[in-house]
Amino acid sequence: MATAMTATPRLVQLQRGAERRVALVDEPTLRLLRDCDSVYSLAQSAITASRSLVALIEEQTTREAIGYDAVYRGESEWRLLSPIDHPSEPSRLLVSGTGLTHLGSAKDRQAMHVVAESELTDSMKMFRWGVEGGRPAKGQIGIAPEWFYKGNGSILRAHGEPLVTPPFAEDGGEEAEIAGVYIIAEDGQPWRVGMCNGNEFSDHRFEKRNYLNLASSKIRTCALGPELVVDPRFDSVPGTVVIERDGATLWSKEIVTGEANMCHSLRNVEQHHFKFESHRRPGDVHVHYFGACSLSFGEGVQLANGDVMQVRFEGFGRPLRNPLLVDDSPNAVIAIHKLA
């Protein structure tokens, strides 16, 4: 039975044993959708039928509801999944991100502009290029932002699941961001399904040694959710990031994201991600992180095993919370066998 809802519905994916369901957030309950076991299949249905995803959600939402609080706290037989996945082939979900996107403080920008061009680091040069050319006029293509690969769908973690610092890593720290979720239609057309709270977890200490370490510092687990927001506002989005230790706040900061606070427009970020033909393969899913404006690492915070990272952006539902798990097992040598 259809139910009235806002123009920006928020969805979660749930699992109970072998059973999967998609639910509409209707605080303080989750209203289950009929005949729907994944956001992926729901979005594909909307694309195939040339229908609005909002209309399809409204049509398939039932009166069957479960309490959200117990699910959110991990006290229900239902558990939260990542709000998007490729249910049958995790390797067909690409996780990536864009860096050097957020403007930062006016003081830092002023300092950047008075430094001689020859003295700027490569990172600062790229940031300056974004300021100058990252917001092209309609119909034009701007300068490419920094882009990085994180992994496939196997690295995505849901609300409440740990983010792991592997044995070979030097560090593990939060990156509070919003991530876009996309599906590629059968004709190769990318469709934006929605956006989520995100923690683009990374090894900042390793990256700090040399900026060329950025690529491998990003290949880590990361988190989304708990909710996927269909067509949210992304002009200026305030949020809060909190680090908790032993039940108390260790560090927190008010942050802001959205196009008004970025040197690259959303359209430009999407243009330079989907310009690659390999990123428009029919049936694939893409999760793309849009960048962070502040890190606890930048303020001298060193996360420890068991610390909880919380990310919340206004309009994006309940906070995303993930504990840090430091894998202190020995850094094993990987044996490579010759097939000769």
Protein backbone atom coordinates (compact mmCIF):
# COMPACT_ATOMS: atom_id res chain seq x y z
CA MET A 1 0.00 0.00 0.00
CA ALA A 2 1.42 3.40 -0.95
CA THR A 3 2.26 5.94 1.73
CA ALA A 4 2.78 9.69 1.64
CA MET A 5 6.38 10.82 2.09
CA THR A 6 8.73 13.71 1.62
CA ALA A 7 10.28 14.57 -1.74
CA THR A 8 13.67 13.37 -0.46
CA PRO A 9 13.06 9.83 0.81
CA ARG A 10 15.77 8.05 2.76
CA LEU A 11 16.31 4.31 2.30
CA VAL A 12 18.10 1.60 4.25
CA GLN A 13 19.02 -1.96 3.33
CA LEU A 14 18.36 -4.65 5.92
CA GLN A 15 19.18 -8.31 6.39
CA ARG A 16 17.72 -10.97 8.67
CA GLY A 17 19.41 -14.32 8.14
CA ALA A 18 19.19 -15.00 4.41
CA GLU A 19 16.38 -12.47 3.94
CA ARG A 20 17.09 -9.00 2.56
CA ARG A 21 14.72 -6.02 2.44
CA VAL A 22 14.75 -2.33 1.59
CA ALA A 23 12.94 0.06 3.90
CA LEU A 24 11.87 3.69 3.84
CA VAL A 25 12.91 5.71 6.88
CA ASP A 26 9.78 7.04 8.58
CA GLU A 27 11.10 8.01 12.00
CA PRO A 28 11.00 6.32 14.39
CA THR A 29 10.16 3.34 12.20
CA LEU A 30 11.38 1.65 9.03
CA ARG A 31 8.59 0.89 6.55
CA LEU A 32 9.42 -2.12 4.37
CA LEU A 33 9.08 -1.97 0.60
CA ARG A 34 7.14 -4.65 -1.22
CA ASP A 35 8.99 -7.06 -3.51
CA CYS A 36 12.30 -5.28 -3.05
CA ASP A 37 15.49 -6.86 -1.70
CA SER A 38 18.04 -4.24 -2.81
CA VAL A 39 18.37 -0.58 -3.70
CA TYR A 40 20.19 -1.80 -6.81
CA SER A 41 17.15 -3.69 -8.11
CA LEU A 42 14.83 -0.81 -7.17
CA ALA A 43 16.93 1.70 -9.11
CA GLN A 44 17.23 -0.66 -12.09
CA SER A 45 13.45 -1.01 -12.13
CA ALA A 46 13.03 2.77 -12.18
CA ILE A 47 15.52 3.13 -15.05
CA THR A 48 13.97 0.31 -17.10
CA ALA A 49 10.44 1.65 -16.63
CA SER A 50 11.50 5.30 -17.19
CA ARG A 51 9.91 6.18 -13.88
CA SER A 52 10.83 8.47 -11.02
CA LEU A 53 12.59 6.61 -8.22
CA VAL A 54 10.60 8.67 -5.71
CA ALA A 55 7.32 7.57 -7.29
CA LEU A 56 8.40 3.93 -7.32
CA ILE A 57 9.37 4.07 -3.64
CA GLU A 58 6.03 5.62 -2.73
CA GLU A 59 4.17 2.95 -4.69
CA GLN A 60 6.04 0.03 -3.08
CA THR A 61 6.13 1.23 0.54
CA THR A 62 3.92 -0.91 2.76
CA ARG A 63 2.38 -0.59 6.22
CA GLU A 64 4.77 -3.29 7.49
CA ALA A 65 7.13 -1.48 9.86
CA ILE A 66 9.87 -2.24 12.35
CA GLY A 67 11.39 -0.04 15.03
CA TYR A 68 14.43 1.86 13.82
CA ASP A 69 16.07 2.38 17.23
CA ALA A 70 16.79 -1.28 17.93
CA VAL A 71 18.08 -1.84 14.40
CA TYR A 72 20.32 1.24 14.62
CA ARG A 73 21.77 0.11 17.96
CA GLY A 74 22.39 -3.43 16.68
CA GLU A 75 19.81 -4.92 19.05
CA SER A 76 17.39 -6.30 16.45
CA GLU A 77 17.25 -9.51 14.46
CA TRP A 78 17.47 -7.20 11.47
CA ARG A 79 20.87 -5.63 10.79
CA LEU A 80 21.78 -2.66 8.67
CA LEU A 81 23.70 -3.24 5.46
CA SER A 82 25.53 -0.62 3.46
CA PRO A 83 22.76 1.44 1.80
CA ILE A 84 24.05 0.39 -1.64
CA ASP A 85 25.78 -2.72 -2.93
CA HIS A 86 25.90 -4.90 -6.01
CA PRO A 87 24.05 -7.88 -4.50
CA SER A 88 25.35 -10.55 -6.88
CA GLU A 89 28.81 -9.25 -7.87
CA PRO A 90 30.60 -7.00 -5.32
CA SER A 91 33.50 -6.59 -7.76
CA ARG A 92 31.16 -4.64 -10.06
CA LEU A 93 30.94 -1.80 -7.54
CA LEU A 94 33.77 0.73 -7.88
CA VAL A 95 34.67 2.88 -4.86
CA SER A 96 36.59 6.07 -5.66
CA GLY A 97 36.94 9.65 -4.53
CA THR A 98 37.94 13.18 -5.35
CA GLY A 99 40.45 15.12 -3.24
CA LEU A 100 41.56 18.74 -2.93
CA THR A 101 37.95 19.80 -3.45
CA HIS A 102 37.14 21.88 -0.36
CA LEU A 103 38.06 25.52 -0.14
CA GLY A 104 39.32 25.56 3.44
CA SER A 105 39.78 28.79 5.35
CA ALA A 106 40.13 32.20 3.74
CA LYS A 107 43.42 32.63 5.58
CA ASP A 108 44.87 29.51 3.95
CA ARG A 109 43.71 30.64 0.53
CA GLN A 110 45.25 34.06 1.00
CA ALA A 111 48.53 32.49 2.10
CA MET A 112 48.45 30.29 -0.99
CA HIS A 113 48.05 33.21 -3.35
CA VAL A 114 50.96 35.22 -1.96
CA VAL A 115 53.42 32.33 -2.27
CA ALA A 116 55.46 32.31 -5.48
CA GLU A 117 54.27 29.76 -8.03
CA SER A 118 57.67 28.05 -8.00
CA GLU A 119 57.35 27.43 -4.25
CA LEU A 120 53.92 25.80 -4.33
CA THR A 121 53.73 22.05 -3.76
CA ASP A 122 52.12 19.95 -6.47
CA SER A 123 49.09 19.48 -4.21
CA MET A 124 48.67 23.23 -3.74
CA LYS A 125 49.08 23.81 -7.48
CA MET A 126 46.30 21.31 -8.13
CA PHE A 127 44.12 22.97 -5.51
CA ARG A 128 44.72 26.37 -7.13
CA TRP A 129 43.78 24.95 -10.54
CA GLY A 130 40.54 23.74 -9.01
CA VAL A 131 39.80 27.20 -7.61
CA GLU A 132 40.45 28.74 -11.01
CA GLY A 133 38.82 26.16 -13.28
CA GLY A 134 36.73 23.70 -11.29
CA ARG A 135 33.35 25.39 -11.77
CA PRO A 136 32.86 25.64 -15.54
CA ALA A 137 29.93 27.39 -17.19
CA LYS A 138 27.02 25.27 -18.36
CA GLY A 139 28.01 23.28 -21.41
CA GLN A 140 31.71 23.66 -20.69
CA ILE A 141 34.21 21.19 -19.16
CA GLY A 142 36.39 22.37 -16.29
CA ILE A 143 39.75 21.24 -15.05
CA ALA A 144 40.05 17.68 -13.76
CA PRO A 145 40.14 17.24 -9.97
CA GLU A 146 42.41 14.85 -8.12
CA TRP A 147 40.94 11.34 -8.39
CA PHE A 148 41.74 8.20 -6.42
CA TYR A 149 40.67 4.55 -6.32
CA LYS A 150 39.69 2.88 -3.05
CA GLY A 151 38.58 -0.59 -4.06
CA ASN A 152 35.52 -2.58 -5.04
CA GLY A 153 32.32 -3.37 -3.18
CA SER A 154 34.09 -5.78 -0.82
CA ILE A 155 35.61 -2.85 1.09
CA LEU A 156 32.30 -1.11 1.89
CA ARG A 157 31.19 -1.29 5.53
CA ALA A 158 27.81 -0.51 7.05
CA HIS A 159 26.91 1.56 10.08
CA GLY A 160 28.30 -0.13 13.20
CA GLU A 161 30.86 -2.26 11.39
CA PRO A 162 34.57 -1.75 12.14
CA LEU A 163 36.97 0.05 9.84
CA VAL A 164 40.27 -1.80 9.90
CA THR A 165 43.84 -0.56 10.11
CA PRO A 166 45.67 -3.50 8.46
CA PRO A 167 49.03 -4.83 9.72
CA PHE A 168 51.00 -3.07 6.97
CA ALA A 169 49.43 0.35 7.67
CA GLU A 170 50.98 3.17 9.68
CA ASP A 171 47.71 4.76 10.74
CA GLY A 172 43.96 4.86 10.28
CA GLY A 173 41.80 7.96 10.45
CA GLU A 174 38.38 9.24 9.57
CA GLU A 175 37.48 11.38 6.57
CA ALA A 176 33.96 12.71 7.05
CA GLU A 177 32.40 13.21 3.63
CA ILE A 178 29.29 12.83 1.55
CA ALA A 179 29.41 10.15 -1.14
CA GLY A 180 27.41 9.90 -4.34
CA VAL A 181 25.83 6.63 -5.46
CA TYR A 182 25.45 5.86 -9.17
CA ILE A 183 24.19 3.03 -11.37
CA ILE A 184 25.02 2.57 -15.06
CA ALA A 185 22.05 1.77 -17.28
CA GLU A 186 22.10 -0.78 -20.08
CA ASP A 187 22.80 1.99 -22.62
CA GLY A 188 25.85 3.17 -20.65
CA GLN A 189 24.11 6.22 -19.17
CA PRO A 190 25.16 7.00 -15.56
CA TRP A 191 22.29 7.71 -13.14
CA ARG A 192 22.75 9.29 -9.72
CA VAL A 193 20.63 7.29 -7.27
CA GLY A 194 21.35 9.46 -4.22
CA MET A 195 23.92 10.40 -1.61
CA CYS A 196 25.00 9.14 1.83
CA ASN A 197 26.94 10.03 4.92
CA GLY A 198 30.41 8.62 4.37
CA ASN A 199 33.67 7.88 6.18
CA GLU A 200 36.41 7.66 3.56
CA PHE A 201 38.82 6.04 6.02
CA SER A 202 42.52 6.46 5.10
CA ASP A 203 46.15 6.10 6.26
CA HIS A 204 47.15 9.75 6.73
CA ARG A 205 50.51 9.11 8.36
CA PHE A 206 51.68 7.07 5.38
CA GLU A 207 50.38 9.69 2.95
CA LYS A 208 52.15 12.46 4.88
CA ARG A 209 55.54 10.85 4.25
CA ASN A 210 55.20 11.62 0.54
CA TYR A 211 52.18 12.72 -1.47
CA LEU A 212 52.93 9.93 -3.97
CA ASN A 213 51.78 7.53 -1.23
CA LEU A 214 48.23 8.86 -1.63
CA ALA A 215 47.15 6.06 -3.97
CA SER A 216 48.01 3.17 -1.66
CA SER A 217 46.98 5.06 1.50
CA LYS A 218 43.41 5.02 0.17
CA ILE A 219 43.06 1.25 -0.39
CA ARG A 220 41.26 0.58 2.87
CA THR A 221 37.81 -0.26 4.17
CA CYS A 222 35.37 2.66 4.21
CA ALA A 223 31.81 3.22 5.38
CA LEU A 224 28.47 4.52 4.08
CA GLY A 225 25.12 5.21 5.61
CA PRO A 226 23.16 4.18 7.40
CA GLU A 227 20.76 5.85 4.95
CA LEU A 228 20.76 6.66 1.24
CA VAL A 229 19.06 9.99 0.52
CA VAL A 230 17.33 10.33 -2.83
CA ASP A 231 17.96 13.75 -4.42
CA PRO A 232 19.24 15.62 -1.35
CA ARG A 233 20.25 19.27 -1.26
CA PHE A 234 23.98 19.62 -1.90
CA ASP A 235 24.50 23.36 -1.95
CA SER A 236 25.85 23.92 1.57
CA VAL A 237 25.55 21.01 3.99
CA PRO A 238 26.62 21.46 7.63
CA GLY A 239 27.71 18.48 9.66
CA THR A 240 29.58 17.22 12.67
CA VAL A 241 32.39 14.70 13.04
CA VAL A 242 33.09 13.17 16.46
CA ILE A 243 35.79 10.83 17.75
CA GLU A 244 34.84 8.93 20.91
CA ARG A 245 37.18 7.02 23.21
CA ASP A 246 35.94 4.88 26.10
CA GLY A 247 32.47 6.41 25.79
CA ALA A 248 33.64 10.03 25.98
CA THR A 249 34.25 12.62 23.27
CA LEU A 250 37.94 12.80 22.41
CA TRP A 251 37.57 15.30 19.55
CA SER A 252 34.73 16.89 17.61
CA LYS A 253 34.30 19.55 14.98
CA GLU A 254 31.54 21.32 13.11
CA ILE A 255 32.17 20.86 9.39
CA VAL A 256 30.53 21.83 6.12
CA THR A 257 30.43 20.38 2.63
CA GLY A 258 28.40 20.92 -0.53
CA GLU A 259 29.05 22.82 -3.74
CA ALA A 260 29.15 26.26 -2.08
CA ASN A 261 32.17 25.08 -0.09
CA MET A 262 34.00 23.31 -2.90
CA CYS A 263 36.25 24.57 -5.69
CA HIS A 264 34.85 21.92 -8.06
CA SER A 265 31.17 21.78 -8.93
CA LEU A 266 29.33 18.48 -8.58
CA ARG A 267 28.80 18.47 -12.34
CA ASN A 268 32.53 18.84 -12.94
CA VAL A 269 33.39 16.05 -10.49
CA GLU A 270 30.90 13.76 -12.19
CA GLN A 271 32.09 14.74 -15.68
CA HIS A 272 35.67 13.75 -14.92
CA HIS A 273 34.68 10.48 -13.28
CA PHE A 274 32.32 9.26 -15.96
CA LYS A 275 34.31 10.52 -18.97
CA PHE A 276 36.17 7.20 -18.86
CA GLU A 277 34.41 4.55 -20.94
CA SER A 278 35.37 1.88 -18.40
CA HIS A 279 33.35 3.84 -15.81
CA ARG A 280 30.21 3.53 -17.92
CA ARG A 281 29.91 -0.24 -18.08
CA PRO A 282 26.23 -1.29 -18.06
CA GLY A 283 25.10 -2.74 -14.74
CA ASP A 284 27.99 -1.38 -12.66
CA VAL A 285 27.60 0.60 -9.43
CA HIS A 286 29.80 3.54 -8.43
CA VAL A 287 30.34 5.06 -4.99
CA HIS A 288 32.29 8.32 -5.19
CA TYR A 289 33.42 10.32 -2.14
CA PHE A 290 33.33 14.10 -2.69
CA GLY A 291 36.10 15.12 -0.28
CA ALA A 292 36.58 16.21 3.32
CA CYS A 293 36.98 19.71 4.69
CA SER A 294 38.67 18.73 7.96
CA LEU A 295 40.46 15.76 9.55
CA SER A 296 41.20 14.98 13.18
CA PHE A 297 44.68 13.90 12.00
CA GLY A 298 45.30 17.46 10.84
CA GLU A 299 44.78 18.62 14.41
CA GLY A 300 47.17 16.09 15.91
CA VAL A 301 44.66 13.41 16.93
CA GLN A 302 45.96 9.83 16.82
CA LEU A 303 43.14 7.28 16.73
CA ALA A 304 43.48 4.08 18.76
CA ASN A 305 41.90 0.64 18.68
CA GLY A 306 38.27 0.84 19.78
CA ASP A 307 37.78 4.54 19.08
CA VAL A 308 34.41 5.29 17.48
CA MET A 309 34.18 7.61 14.47
CA GLN A 310 30.84 9.38 13.97
CA VAL A 311 29.82 11.31 10.87
CA ARG A 312 26.58 13.28 10.57
CA PHE A 313 25.44 15.68 7.85
CA GLU A 314 22.23 17.68 8.10
CA GLY A 315 19.46 16.14 5.99
CA PHE A 316 21.27 12.81 5.65
CA GLY A 317 19.54 10.90 8.41
CA ARG A 318 21.02 9.26 11.46
CA PRO A 319 24.76 9.49 12.13
CA LEU A 320 27.17 6.94 10.67
CA ARG A 321 29.14 5.31 13.49
CA ASN A 322 32.05 2.91 13.04
CA PRO A 323 34.64 1.65 15.53
CA LEU A 324 38.31 1.50 14.62
CA LEU A 325 39.83 -1.97 14.64
CA VAL A 326 43.63 -2.13 14.61
CA ASP A 327 44.81 -5.46 13.24
CA ASP A 328 48.01 -6.00 15.21
CA SER A 329 48.85 -9.37 13.67
CA PRO A 330 52.32 -9.66 12.04
CA ASN A 331 52.77 -8.03 8.65
CA ALA A 332 52.95 -11.20 6.59
CA VAL A 333 55.10 -11.72 3.53
CA ILE A 334 52.89 -12.53 0.54
CA ALA A 335 54.17 -15.58 -1.32
CA ILE A 336 53.83 -15.40 -5.09
CA HIS A 337 53.87 -18.71 -6.97
CA LYS A 338 55.07 -19.10 -10.54
CA LEU A 339 52.64 -20.77 -12.91
CA ALA A 340 55.41 -22.15 -15.09
